[in-house]
Every structure is written in C-alpha cells, then in structure tokens.
Amino acid sequence: MVDVPDEVDKEDLAFPHSRIVNMVRDETKDGQYVRKSVYHGLNLLLGNIAEDIIDKLVQTDAAYIEKHDLDRASRKYENIEEVMEEKERIIKHLRALEEDVNKLSRDIERAGMD
C-alpha cells in the first residue's frame, strides 16, 4: 500500500507530475474523475519501484552496467503477471480438490448410514 501524505511537494516526486497526470487521464473514461492523491500515490509508487530496481542494478562489479543487469534487477516486476496467473491456476486446482474432498466425505457419510 502506498502511503500518500496529505501534502505532497511536487519536488519530492520521482517523475514529472504532469506526465503522470497525462498518462492517467489518457486512460480514464468520460465522467471519471481522479483524486489528486491517486496521481501522487502513483508517482510515489513508481519512484519506489525505480529506486528498488536501481539499487539492484548497481550491484555489479563490472565497469559498465549492461542490459542484462537491468533484466536481473527488474525481474521481480517483469514476472508479476506470470506469478498472478500461477496463483489463479493454483486456486482453481485447490477448489477442485476441495470439491473432491467434500464429495468423498459425503460418500463416506452415506456409506456409514446404510
């Protein structure tokens, strides 16, 4: 969860505020309104992600930081969609197992009643 202070100084934001506003407005539907705290929160979140990637990016002994360093540093953000898909697949599998267990339980109860 992004902690957005009541007052945000635009100088403290990682990215130009107007760019974030324009990106969000380009995607909103007619009649949708976005609170200022959303713009600030998104900017702070993106700044935190950038800082995390940069911290990992510079963890090399090489003289030059290469594209593969960026790939390594950003891997957890690149793979998030795959992780979410895998989570959904596991949840569906667990629900199917739960249904099987419930059916077996009912079968055992019926068998014991006869």
C-alpha atoms as a PDB file:
ATOM      1  CA  MET A   1       0.000   0.000   0.000  1.00  0.00           C
ATOM      2  CA  VAL A   2       1.314   3.415  -0.922  1.00  0.00           C
ATOM      3  CA  ASP A   3       1.443   5.914   1.933  1.00  0.00           C
ATOM      4  CA  VAL A   4       0.409   9.258   0.461  1.00  0.00           C
ATOM      5  CA  PRO A   5       0.888  12.216   2.802  1.00  0.00           C
ATOM      6  CA  ASP A   6      -1.822  14.883   2.893  1.00  0.00           C
ATOM      7  CA  GLU A   7       0.559  17.429   1.449  1.00  0.00           C
ATOM      8  CA  VAL A   8       2.979  16.360  -1.263  1.00  0.00           C
ATOM      9  CA  ASP A   9       5.629  18.691  -2.587  1.00  0.00           C
ATOM     10  CA  LYS A  10       5.928  18.049  -6.322  1.00  0.00           C
ATOM     11  CA  GLU A  11       9.694  18.489  -5.966  1.00  0.00           C
ATOM     12  CA  ASP A  12       9.747  15.293  -3.839  1.00  0.00           C
ATOM     13  CA  LEU A  13       8.126  13.203  -6.579  1.00  0.00           C
ATOM     14  CA  ALA A  14      10.309  10.927  -8.691  1.00  0.00           C
ATOM     15  CA  PHE A  15       8.699  11.795 -12.010  1.00  0.00           C
ATOM     16  CA  PRO A  16       7.220  14.939 -13.528  1.00  0.00           C
ATOM     17  CA  HIS A  17       3.756  15.304 -12.054  1.00  0.00           C
ATOM     18  CA  SER A  18       2.235  16.450 -15.341  1.00  0.00           C
ATOM     19  CA  ARG A  19       3.438  13.313 -17.124  1.00  0.00           C
ATOM     20  CA  ILE A  20       1.755  11.039 -14.567  1.00  0.00           C
ATOM     21  CA  VAL A  21      -1.453  13.099 -14.747  1.00  0.00           C
ATOM     22  CA  ASN A  22      -1.496  12.927 -18.537  1.00  0.00           C
ATOM     23  CA  MET A  23      -0.865   9.182 -18.572  1.00  0.00           C
ATOM     24  CA  VAL A  24      -3.775   8.550 -16.205  1.00  0.00           C
ATOM     25  CA  ARG A  25      -6.104  10.994 -17.969  1.00  0.00           C
ATOM     26  CA  ASP A  26      -5.363   9.342 -21.315  1.00  0.00           C
ATOM     27  CA  GLU A  27      -6.856   6.120 -19.939  1.00  0.00           C
ATOM     28  CA  THR A  28      -9.842   7.413 -17.945  1.00  0.00           C
ATOM     29  CA  LYS A  29     -13.362   7.254 -19.304  1.00  0.00           C
ATOM     30  CA  ASP A  30     -15.628  10.260 -19.792  1.00  0.00           C
ATOM     31  CA  GLY A  31     -17.139  11.200 -16.471  1.00  0.00           C
ATOM     32  CA  GLN A  32     -14.363   9.579 -14.437  1.00  0.00           C
ATOM     33  CA  TYR A  33     -12.516  11.803 -12.038  1.00  0.00           C
ATOM     34  CA  VAL A  34      -9.199  11.046 -10.391  1.00  0.00           C
ATOM     35  CA  ARG A  35      -8.273  12.370  -6.986  1.00  0.00           C
ATOM     36  CA  LYS A  36      -5.002  14.223  -6.550  1.00  0.00           C
ATOM     37  CA  SER A  37      -3.866  11.595  -4.036  1.00  0.00           C
ATOM     38  CA  VAL A  38      -4.027   8.948  -6.802  1.00  0.00           C
ATOM     39  CA  TYR A  39      -1.612  10.896  -9.002  1.00  0.00           C
ATOM     40  CA  HIS A  40       0.725  11.482  -6.088  1.00  0.00           C
ATOM     41  CA  GLY A  41       0.419   7.876  -4.907  1.00  0.00           C
ATOM     42  CA  LEU A  42       1.168   6.504  -8.378  1.00  0.00           C
ATOM     43  CA  ASN A  43       4.180   8.770  -8.671  1.00  0.00           C
ATOM     44  CA  LEU A  44       5.460   7.688  -5.251  1.00  0.00           C
ATOM     45  CA  LEU A  45       4.877   4.013  -6.084  1.00  0.00           C
ATOM     46  CA  LEU A  46       6.722   4.290  -9.398  1.00  0.00           C
ATOM     47  CA  GLY A  47       9.514   6.128  -7.627  1.00  0.00           C
ATOM     48  CA  ASN A  48       9.803   3.309  -5.056  1.00  0.00           C
ATOM     49  CA  ILE A  49       9.906   0.714  -7.830  1.00  0.00           C
ATOM     50  CA  ALA A  50      12.568   2.699  -9.682  1.00  0.00           C
ATOM     51  CA  GLU A  51      14.659   3.020  -6.508  1.00  0.00           C
ATOM     52  CA  ASP A  52      14.405  -0.726  -5.878  1.00  0.00           C
ATOM     53  CA  ILE A  53      15.467  -1.532  -9.436  1.00  0.00           C
ATOM     54  CA  ILE A  54      18.314   0.995  -9.311  1.00  0.00           C
ATOM     55  CA  ASP A  55      19.572  -0.455  -6.009  1.00  0.00           C
ATOM     56  CA  LYS A  56      19.758  -3.903  -7.619  1.00  0.00           C
ATOM     57  CA  LEU A  57      21.050  -2.511 -10.912  1.00  0.00           C
ATOM     58  CA  VAL A  58      24.199  -1.053  -9.407  1.00  0.00           C
ATOM     59  CA  GLN A  59      25.069  -4.277  -7.556  1.00  0.00           C
ATOM     60  CA  THR A  60      27.712  -5.281 -10.060  1.00  0.00           C
ATOM     61  CA  ASP A  61      31.480  -5.220 -10.051  1.00  0.00           C
ATOM     62  CA  ALA A  62      31.593  -4.547 -13.771  1.00  0.00           C
ATOM     63  CA  ALA A  63      32.728  -1.178 -15.073  1.00  0.00           C
ATOM     64  CA  TYR A  64      29.652  -0.897 -17.288  1.00  0.00           C
ATOM     65  CA  ILE A  65      26.085  -1.553 -16.309  1.00  0.00           C
ATOM     66  CA  GLU A  66      24.570  -3.584 -19.120  1.00  0.00           C
ATOM     67  CA  LYS A  67      21.082  -4.511 -20.286  1.00  0.00           C
ATOM     68  CA  HIS A  68      21.369  -7.909 -18.581  1.00  0.00           C
ATOM     69  CA  ASP A  69      21.909  -6.050 -15.292  1.00  0.00           C
ATOM     70  CA  LEU A  70      18.641  -4.217 -15.866  1.00  0.00           C
ATOM     71  CA  ASP A  71      16.926  -7.513 -16.695  1.00  0.00           C
ATOM     72  CA  ARG A  72      18.230  -9.020 -13.459  1.00  0.00           C
ATOM     73  CA  ALA A  73      17.237  -6.003 -11.398  1.00  0.00           C
ATOM     74  CA  SER A  74      13.710  -5.757 -12.800  1.00  0.00           C
ATOM     75  CA  ARG A  75      12.950  -9.496 -12.916  1.00  0.00           C
ATOM     76  CA  LYS A  76      10.510  -9.472  -9.995  1.00  0.00           C
ATOM     77  CA  TYR A  77       8.441  -6.749 -11.640  1.00  0.00           C
ATOM     78  CA  GLU A  78       8.549  -8.397 -15.054  1.00  0.00           C
ATOM     79  CA  ASN A  79       7.394 -11.748 -13.674  1.00  0.00           C
ATOM     80  CA  ILE A  80       4.493 -10.453 -11.587  1.00  0.00           C
ATOM     81  CA  GLU A  81       1.903 -11.255 -14.248  1.00  0.00           C
ATOM     82  CA  GLU A  82       3.159 -14.834 -14.502  1.00  0.00           C
ATOM     83  CA  VAL A  83       3.048 -15.157 -10.723  1.00  0.00           C
ATOM     84  CA  MET A  84      -0.547 -13.902 -10.624  1.00  0.00           C
ATOM     85  CA  GLU A  85      -1.578 -16.354 -13.362  1.00  0.00           C
ATOM     86  CA  GLU A  86       0.075 -19.201 -11.474  1.00  0.00           C
ATOM     87  CA  LYS A  87      -1.714 -18.123  -8.298  1.00  0.00           C
ATOM     88  CA  GLU A  88      -5.074 -18.260 -10.099  1.00  0.00           C
ATOM     89  CA  ARG A  89      -4.247 -21.685 -11.511  1.00  0.00           C
ATOM     90  CA  ILE A  90      -3.367 -22.985  -8.033  1.00  0.00           C
ATOM     91  CA  ILE A  91      -6.536 -21.526  -6.520  1.00  0.00           C
ATOM     92  CA  LYS A  92      -8.669 -23.278  -9.161  1.00  0.00           C
ATOM     93  CA  HIS A  93      -6.837 -26.539  -8.526  1.00  0.00           C
ATOM     94  CA  LEU A  94      -7.324 -26.215  -4.758  1.00  0.00           C
ATOM     95  CA  ARG A  95     -11.041 -25.535  -5.226  1.00  0.00           C
ATOM     96  CA  ALA A  96     -11.344 -28.647  -7.378  1.00  0.00           C
ATOM     97  CA  LEU A  97      -9.555 -30.657  -4.685  1.00  0.00           C
ATOM     98  CA  GLU A  98     -11.869 -29.193  -2.064  1.00  0.00           C
ATOM     99  CA  GLU A  99     -14.890 -30.289  -4.096  1.00  0.00           C
ATOM    100  CA  ASP A 100     -13.416 -33.788  -4.423  1.00  0.00           C
ATOM    101  CA  VAL A 101     -12.803 -33.990  -0.668  1.00  0.00           C
ATOM    102  CA  ASN A 102     -16.341 -32.811   0.068  1.00  0.00           C
ATOM    103  CA  LYS A 103     -17.781 -35.391  -2.348  1.00  0.00           C
ATOM    104  CA  LEU A 104     -15.705 -38.167  -0.806  1.00  0.00           C
ATOM    105  CA  SER A 105     -16.782 -37.048   2.646  1.00  0.00           C
ATOM    106  CA  ARG A 106     -20.446 -37.197   1.636  1.00  0.00           C
ATOM    107  CA  ASP A 107     -19.897 -40.643   0.085  1.00  0.00           C
ATOM    108  CA  ILE A 108     -18.298 -41.891   3.303  1.00  0.00           C
ATOM    109  CA  GLU A 109     -21.145 -40.495   5.406  1.00  0.00           C
ATOM    110  CA  ARG A 110     -23.720 -42.170   3.152  1.00  0.00           C
ATOM    111  CA  ALA A 111     -21.855 -45.454   3.264  1.00  0.00           C
ATOM    112  CA  GLY A 112     -21.816 -45.341   7.062  1.00  0.00           C
ATOM    113  CA  MET A 113     -25.572 -44.647   7.274  1.00  0.00           C
ATOM    114  CA  ASP A 114     -26.634 -47.745   5.287  1.00  0.00           C
END
